[in-house]
Amino acid sequence: MTNPVSSLCDDQTFSKVFRSYSKTLFNFLYYKCGDEQLAKDLVQEAFLKLWQNCKSVSFETSRGYVFKTANNTLLNTYEHSKVKLRFANLNHKGYTNESPEFLLLEKEQFQEINS
């Protein structure tokens, strides 16, 4: 019998795993996020990570691995979106990179011009 840990790195075995689980994984992700393109991207990313870690993931656990990886990536995507939204909603107070001396000089010159 072949070693299941190393057999996942075989192209044919990996293709079989991809064909077996990719559609179900896509349906699962599409149900969760409602975005077809995001679901497709997450499926590809999950199988890419599986391929990169094929030596440490057994054939028997490959289904759970891709589902867990894809779900975690989806949750990370949502969390990142929340961070971006929070930053966009911050009250930007007009910070500047100019030194205080420059700002004071600018204010004085503006007053001289308008006097």
N, C-alpha and C. Protein backbone atom coordinates (compact mmCIF):
# COMPACT_ATOMS: atom_id res chain seq x y z
N MET A 1 0.84 -1.18 0.00
CA MET A 1 0.00 0.00 0.00
C MET A 1 0.88 1.24 0.00
N THR A 2 0.48 2.27 -0.75
CA THR A 2 1.27 3.49 -0.83
C THR A 2 1.04 4.35 0.41
N ASN A 3 1.99 5.19 0.68
CA ASN A 3 1.92 6.09 1.81
C ASN A 3 0.93 7.21 1.49
N PRO A 4 -0.19 7.37 2.24
CA PRO A 4 -1.19 8.38 1.90
C PRO A 4 -0.67 9.81 2.03
N VAL A 5 0.34 10.03 2.89
CA VAL A 5 0.85 11.38 3.07
C VAL A 5 1.55 11.85 1.80
N SER A 6 2.37 10.99 1.20
CA SER A 6 3.11 11.41 0.01
C SER A 6 2.26 11.30 -1.25
N SER A 7 1.20 10.48 -1.23
CA SER A 7 0.41 10.29 -2.44
C SER A 7 -0.38 11.54 -2.82
N LEU A 8 -0.65 12.43 -1.88
CA LEU A 8 -1.39 13.65 -2.19
C LEU A 8 -0.57 14.58 -3.07
N CYS A 9 0.75 14.47 -3.05
CA CYS A 9 1.62 15.29 -3.89
C CYS A 9 1.67 14.79 -5.33
N ASP A 10 1.11 13.64 -5.58
CA ASP A 10 1.05 13.10 -6.94
C ASP A 10 -0.02 13.89 -7.71
N ASP A 11 0.32 14.27 -8.96
CA ASP A 11 -0.60 15.08 -9.77
C ASP A 11 -1.97 14.43 -9.95
N GLN A 12 -1.98 13.13 -10.22
CA GLN A 12 -3.26 12.45 -10.46
C GLN A 12 -4.11 12.40 -9.19
N THR A 13 -3.47 12.14 -8.06
CA THR A 13 -4.20 12.09 -6.80
C THR A 13 -4.75 13.47 -6.44
N PHE A 14 -3.92 14.48 -6.61
CA PHE A 14 -4.36 15.83 -6.32
C PHE A 14 -5.52 16.24 -7.24
N SER A 15 -5.43 15.88 -8.51
CA SER A 15 -6.52 16.19 -9.45
C SER A 15 -7.81 15.50 -9.04
N LYS A 16 -7.68 14.28 -8.55
CA LYS A 16 -8.85 13.55 -8.09
C LYS A 16 -9.49 14.25 -6.90
N VAL A 17 -8.66 14.71 -5.97
CA VAL A 17 -9.16 15.43 -4.80
C VAL A 17 -9.84 16.73 -5.25
N PHE A 18 -9.21 17.42 -6.19
CA PHE A 18 -9.78 18.68 -6.68
C PHE A 18 -11.14 18.44 -7.34
N ARG A 19 -11.22 17.43 -8.20
CA ARG A 19 -12.48 17.13 -8.88
C ARG A 19 -13.55 16.68 -7.88
N SER A 20 -13.13 16.00 -6.84
CA SER A 20 -14.09 15.48 -5.87
C SER A 20 -14.69 16.57 -4.99
N TYR A 21 -13.90 17.56 -4.62
CA TYR A 21 -14.34 18.50 -3.59
C TYR A 21 -14.54 19.94 -4.06
N SER A 22 -14.04 20.30 -5.22
CA SER A 22 -14.07 21.72 -5.60
C SER A 22 -15.50 22.24 -5.79
N LYS A 23 -16.37 21.48 -6.40
CA LYS A 23 -17.75 21.94 -6.62
C LYS A 23 -18.49 22.08 -5.29
N THR A 24 -18.34 21.11 -4.42
CA THR A 24 -18.99 21.16 -3.10
C THR A 24 -18.45 22.33 -2.29
N LEU A 25 -17.14 22.53 -2.35
CA LEU A 25 -16.53 23.65 -1.63
C LEU A 25 -17.03 24.98 -2.19
N PHE A 26 -17.12 25.08 -3.51
CA PHE A 26 -17.65 26.31 -4.11
C PHE A 26 -19.08 26.57 -3.64
N ASN A 27 -19.93 25.56 -3.65
CA ASN A 27 -21.32 25.72 -3.21
C ASN A 27 -21.39 26.17 -1.75
N PHE A 28 -20.54 25.57 -0.92
CA PHE A 28 -20.48 25.94 0.50
C PHE A 28 -20.10 27.41 0.66
N LEU A 29 -19.07 27.84 -0.05
CA LEU A 29 -18.59 29.21 0.06
C LEU A 29 -19.58 30.21 -0.55
N TYR A 30 -20.16 29.84 -1.66
CA TYR A 30 -21.14 30.72 -2.31
C TYR A 30 -22.36 30.92 -1.41
N TYR A 31 -22.76 29.85 -0.72
CA TYR A 31 -23.87 29.95 0.23
C TYR A 31 -23.51 30.91 1.37
N LYS A 32 -22.27 30.84 1.84
CA LYS A 32 -21.85 31.66 2.97
C LYS A 32 -21.65 33.13 2.61
N CYS A 33 -21.10 33.40 1.40
CA CYS A 33 -20.75 34.79 1.09
C CYS A 33 -21.65 35.43 0.05
N GLY A 34 -22.32 34.65 -0.80
CA GLY A 34 -23.20 35.21 -1.80
C GLY A 34 -22.48 35.89 -2.96
N ASP A 35 -21.18 35.72 -3.06
CA ASP A 35 -20.37 36.35 -4.11
C ASP A 35 -19.68 35.25 -4.90
N GLU A 36 -20.12 35.07 -6.15
CA GLU A 36 -19.62 33.97 -6.97
C GLU A 36 -18.11 34.08 -7.20
N GLN A 37 -17.64 35.27 -7.53
CA GLN A 37 -16.22 35.44 -7.82
C GLN A 37 -15.37 35.21 -6.58
N LEU A 38 -15.81 35.71 -5.44
CA LEU A 38 -15.08 35.49 -4.19
C LEU A 38 -15.04 34.01 -3.86
N ALA A 39 -16.15 33.30 -4.05
CA ALA A 39 -16.19 31.87 -3.78
C ALA A 39 -15.21 31.12 -4.68
N LYS A 40 -15.15 31.48 -5.97
CA LYS A 40 -14.21 30.84 -6.88
C LYS A 40 -12.77 31.10 -6.45
N ASP A 41 -12.48 32.35 -6.07
CA ASP A 41 -11.13 32.70 -5.63
C ASP A 41 -10.72 31.93 -4.38
N LEU A 42 -11.66 31.79 -3.46
CA LEU A 42 -11.37 31.07 -2.22
C LEU A 42 -11.14 29.58 -2.47
N VAL A 43 -11.88 29.00 -3.40
CA VAL A 43 -11.66 27.59 -3.76
C VAL A 43 -10.24 27.43 -4.31
N GLN A 44 -9.86 28.32 -5.23
CA GLN A 44 -8.52 28.22 -5.82
C GLN A 44 -7.45 28.40 -4.75
N GLU A 45 -7.65 29.36 -3.86
CA GLU A 45 -6.65 29.60 -2.82
C GLU A 45 -6.54 28.41 -1.86
N ALA A 46 -7.66 27.80 -1.52
CA ALA A 46 -7.64 26.65 -0.62
C ALA A 46 -6.88 25.48 -1.25
N PHE A 47 -7.12 25.23 -2.54
CA PHE A 47 -6.42 24.13 -3.19
C PHE A 47 -4.95 24.47 -3.43
N LEU A 48 -4.64 25.73 -3.61
CA LEU A 48 -3.24 26.13 -3.72
C LEU A 48 -2.51 25.84 -2.42
N LYS A 49 -3.13 26.18 -1.29
CA LYS A 49 -2.52 25.90 0.01
C LYS A 49 -2.40 24.39 0.25
N LEU A 50 -3.39 23.64 -0.22
CA LEU A 50 -3.31 22.19 -0.10
C LEU A 50 -2.12 21.67 -0.89
N TRP A 51 -1.92 22.17 -2.10
CA TRP A 51 -0.80 21.74 -2.92
C TRP A 51 0.53 22.11 -2.27
N GLN A 52 0.59 23.30 -1.70
CA GLN A 52 1.83 23.74 -1.04
C GLN A 52 2.14 22.91 0.20
N ASN A 53 1.12 22.36 0.82
CA ASN A 53 1.30 21.56 2.03
C ASN A 53 0.97 20.09 1.81
N CYS A 54 1.09 19.63 0.58
CA CYS A 54 0.67 18.26 0.26
C CYS A 54 1.46 17.20 1.03
N LYS A 55 2.67 17.51 1.43
CA LYS A 55 3.48 16.53 2.17
C LYS A 55 3.02 16.37 3.61
N SER A 56 2.38 17.39 4.15
CA SER A 56 1.97 17.33 5.55
C SER A 56 0.47 17.05 5.74
N VAL A 57 -0.28 16.96 4.64
CA VAL A 57 -1.72 16.68 4.72
C VAL A 57 -1.97 15.31 4.12
N SER A 58 -2.69 14.48 4.84
CA SER A 58 -2.96 13.14 4.33
C SER A 58 -4.17 13.18 3.38
N PHE A 59 -4.27 12.18 2.57
CA PHE A 59 -5.39 12.05 1.64
C PHE A 59 -6.71 12.04 2.39
N GLU A 60 -6.74 11.36 3.51
CA GLU A 60 -7.98 11.22 4.28
C GLU A 60 -8.45 12.54 4.88
N THR A 61 -7.54 13.44 5.17
CA THR A 61 -7.92 14.71 5.79
C THR A 61 -7.96 15.87 4.80
N SER A 62 -7.76 15.59 3.52
CA SER A 62 -7.69 16.66 2.52
C SER A 62 -9.00 17.43 2.40
N ARG A 63 -10.13 16.74 2.51
CA ARG A 63 -11.43 17.42 2.41
C ARG A 63 -11.59 18.43 3.54
N GLY A 64 -11.35 17.99 4.75
CA GLY A 64 -11.44 18.89 5.89
C GLY A 64 -10.46 20.05 5.80
N TYR A 65 -9.27 19.75 5.29
CA TYR A 65 -8.24 20.79 5.16
C TYR A 65 -8.69 21.90 4.22
N VAL A 66 -9.19 21.56 3.04
CA VAL A 66 -9.58 22.61 2.10
C VAL A 66 -10.82 23.38 2.59
N PHE A 67 -11.75 22.70 3.24
CA PHE A 67 -12.93 23.39 3.76
C PHE A 67 -12.54 24.33 4.89
N LYS A 68 -11.70 23.87 5.79
CA LYS A 68 -11.27 24.71 6.92
C LYS A 68 -10.44 25.89 6.42
N THR A 69 -9.53 25.64 5.48
CA THR A 69 -8.70 26.70 4.93
C THR A 69 -9.55 27.76 4.24
N ALA A 70 -10.49 27.32 3.41
CA ALA A 70 -11.34 28.26 2.68
C ALA A 70 -12.22 29.06 3.64
N ASN A 71 -12.78 28.40 4.64
CA ASN A 71 -13.63 29.09 5.60
C ASN A 71 -12.83 30.13 6.38
N ASN A 72 -11.63 29.77 6.82
CA ASN A 72 -10.78 30.71 7.56
C ASN A 72 -10.39 31.90 6.68
N THR A 73 -10.10 31.64 5.42
CA THR A 73 -9.75 32.72 4.50
C THR A 73 -10.94 33.64 4.29
N LEU A 74 -12.13 33.09 4.19
CA LEU A 74 -13.34 33.90 4.07
C LEU A 74 -13.52 34.78 5.30
N LEU A 75 -13.35 34.21 6.48
CA LEU A 75 -13.49 34.99 7.71
C LEU A 75 -12.43 36.09 7.78
N ASN A 76 -11.21 35.79 7.35
CA ASN A 76 -10.15 36.80 7.33
C ASN A 76 -10.49 37.92 6.35
N THR A 77 -11.09 37.56 5.22
CA THR A 77 -11.50 38.56 4.23
C THR A 77 -12.55 39.49 4.82
N TYR A 78 -13.52 38.92 5.53
CA TYR A 78 -14.54 39.73 6.17
C TYR A 78 -13.94 40.65 7.23
N GLU A 79 -13.03 40.12 8.02
CA GLU A 79 -12.39 40.92 9.07
C GLU A 79 -11.60 42.07 8.46
N HIS A 80 -10.90 41.80 7.37
CA HIS A 80 -10.14 42.84 6.69
C HIS A 80 -11.07 43.92 6.14
N SER A 81 -12.21 43.52 5.62
CA SER A 81 -13.19 44.48 5.12
C SER A 81 -13.71 45.38 6.24
N LYS A 82 -13.92 44.79 7.42
CA LYS A 82 -14.38 45.56 8.56
C LYS A 82 -13.33 46.58 8.99
N VAL A 83 -12.07 46.19 8.96
CA VAL A 83 -10.98 47.11 9.31
C VAL A 83 -10.93 48.26 8.32
N LYS A 84 -11.03 47.94 7.02
CA LYS A 84 -11.02 48.98 6.00
C LYS A 84 -12.19 49.94 6.18
N LEU A 85 -13.36 49.41 6.50
CA LEU A 85 -14.54 50.24 6.70
C LEU A 85 -14.37 51.15 7.92
N ARG A 86 -13.83 50.60 9.01
CA ARG A 86 -13.59 51.41 10.20
C ARG A 86 -12.61 52.54 9.89
N PHE A 87 -11.57 52.25 9.14
CA PHE A 87 -10.60 53.28 8.80
C PHE A 87 -11.23 54.35 7.91
N ALA A 88 -12.05 53.93 6.96
CA ALA A 88 -12.70 54.89 6.06
C ALA A 88 -13.66 55.79 6.82
N ASN A 89 -14.24 55.29 7.91
CA ASN A 89 -15.20 56.08 8.68
C ASN A 89 -14.55 56.91 9.78
N LEU A 90 -13.24 56.82 9.94
CA LEU A 90 -12.57 57.64 10.94
C LEU A 90 -12.70 59.11 10.57
N ASN A 91 -12.78 59.93 11.61
CA ASN A 91 -12.82 61.36 11.38
C ASN A 91 -11.39 61.84 11.18
N HIS A 92 -11.01 62.01 9.93
CA HIS A 92 -9.66 62.46 9.63
C HIS A 92 -9.57 63.94 9.97
N LYS A 93 -8.66 64.29 10.87
CA LYS A 93 -8.61 65.63 11.43
C LYS A 93 -7.64 66.55 10.71
N GLY A 94 -7.37 66.26 9.48
CA GLY A 94 -6.51 67.16 8.73
C GLY A 94 -5.07 67.14 9.19
N TYR A 95 -4.56 65.98 9.49
CA TYR A 95 -3.16 65.88 9.88
C TYR A 95 -2.28 66.33 8.73
N THR A 96 -1.13 66.87 9.09
CA THR A 96 -0.22 67.36 8.07
C THR A 96 1.20 66.91 8.39
N ASN A 97 2.02 66.88 7.38
CA ASN A 97 3.41 66.49 7.57
C ASN A 97 4.33 67.69 7.79
N GLU A 98 3.78 68.91 7.72
CA GLU A 98 4.59 70.10 7.91
C GLU A 98 4.95 70.27 9.38
N SER A 99 6.08 70.88 9.60
CA SER A 99 6.52 71.14 10.97
C SER A 99 5.70 72.28 11.57
N PRO A 100 5.64 72.37 12.89
CA PRO A 100 4.91 73.47 13.52
C PRO A 100 5.47 74.85 13.15
N GLU A 101 6.79 74.90 12.98
CA GLU A 101 7.41 76.17 12.59
C GLU A 101 6.91 76.61 11.22
N PHE A 102 6.84 75.65 10.29
CA PHE A 102 6.35 75.97 8.95
C PHE A 102 4.91 76.45 9.00
N LEU A 103 4.09 75.80 9.78
CA LEU A 103 2.68 76.18 9.88
C LEU A 103 2.53 77.57 10.49
N LEU A 104 3.34 77.90 11.49
CA LEU A 104 3.29 79.22 12.09
C LEU A 104 3.72 80.29 11.09
N LEU A 105 4.80 80.03 10.37
CA LEU A 105 5.28 80.96 9.36
C LEU A 105 4.23 81.16 8.27
N GLU A 106 3.61 80.09 7.86
CA GLU A 106 2.57 80.17 6.84
C GLU A 106 1.40 81.02 7.32
N LYS A 107 1.01 80.82 8.57
CA LYS A 107 -0.10 81.59 9.14
C LYS A 107 0.25 83.07 9.21
N GLU A 108 1.48 83.38 9.64
CA GLU A 108 1.92 84.78 9.72
C GLU A 108 1.94 85.43 8.35
N GLN A 109 2.44 84.72 7.35
CA GLN A 109 2.48 85.27 6.00
C GLN A 109 1.06 85.48 5.45
N PHE A 110 0.16 84.59 5.76
CA PHE A 110 -1.22 84.75 5.32
C PHE A 110 -1.85 85.99 5.95
N GLN A 111 -1.55 86.23 7.22
CA GLN A 111 -2.07 87.41 7.91
C GLN A 111 -1.49 88.70 7.31
N GLU A 112 -0.20 88.66 6.96
CA GLU A 112 0.44 89.84 6.36
C GLU A 112 -0.19 90.16 5.00
N ILE A 113 -0.44 89.14 4.22
CA ILE A 113 -1.02 89.33 2.89
C ILE A 113 -2.43 89.90 3.01
N ASN A 114 -3.20 89.43 3.94
CA ASN A 114 -4.58 89.87 4.10
C ASN A 114 -4.72 91.15 4.90
N SER A 115 -3.65 91.70 5.45
CA SER A 115 -3.72 92.93 6.25
C SER A 115 -3.72 94.16 5.38
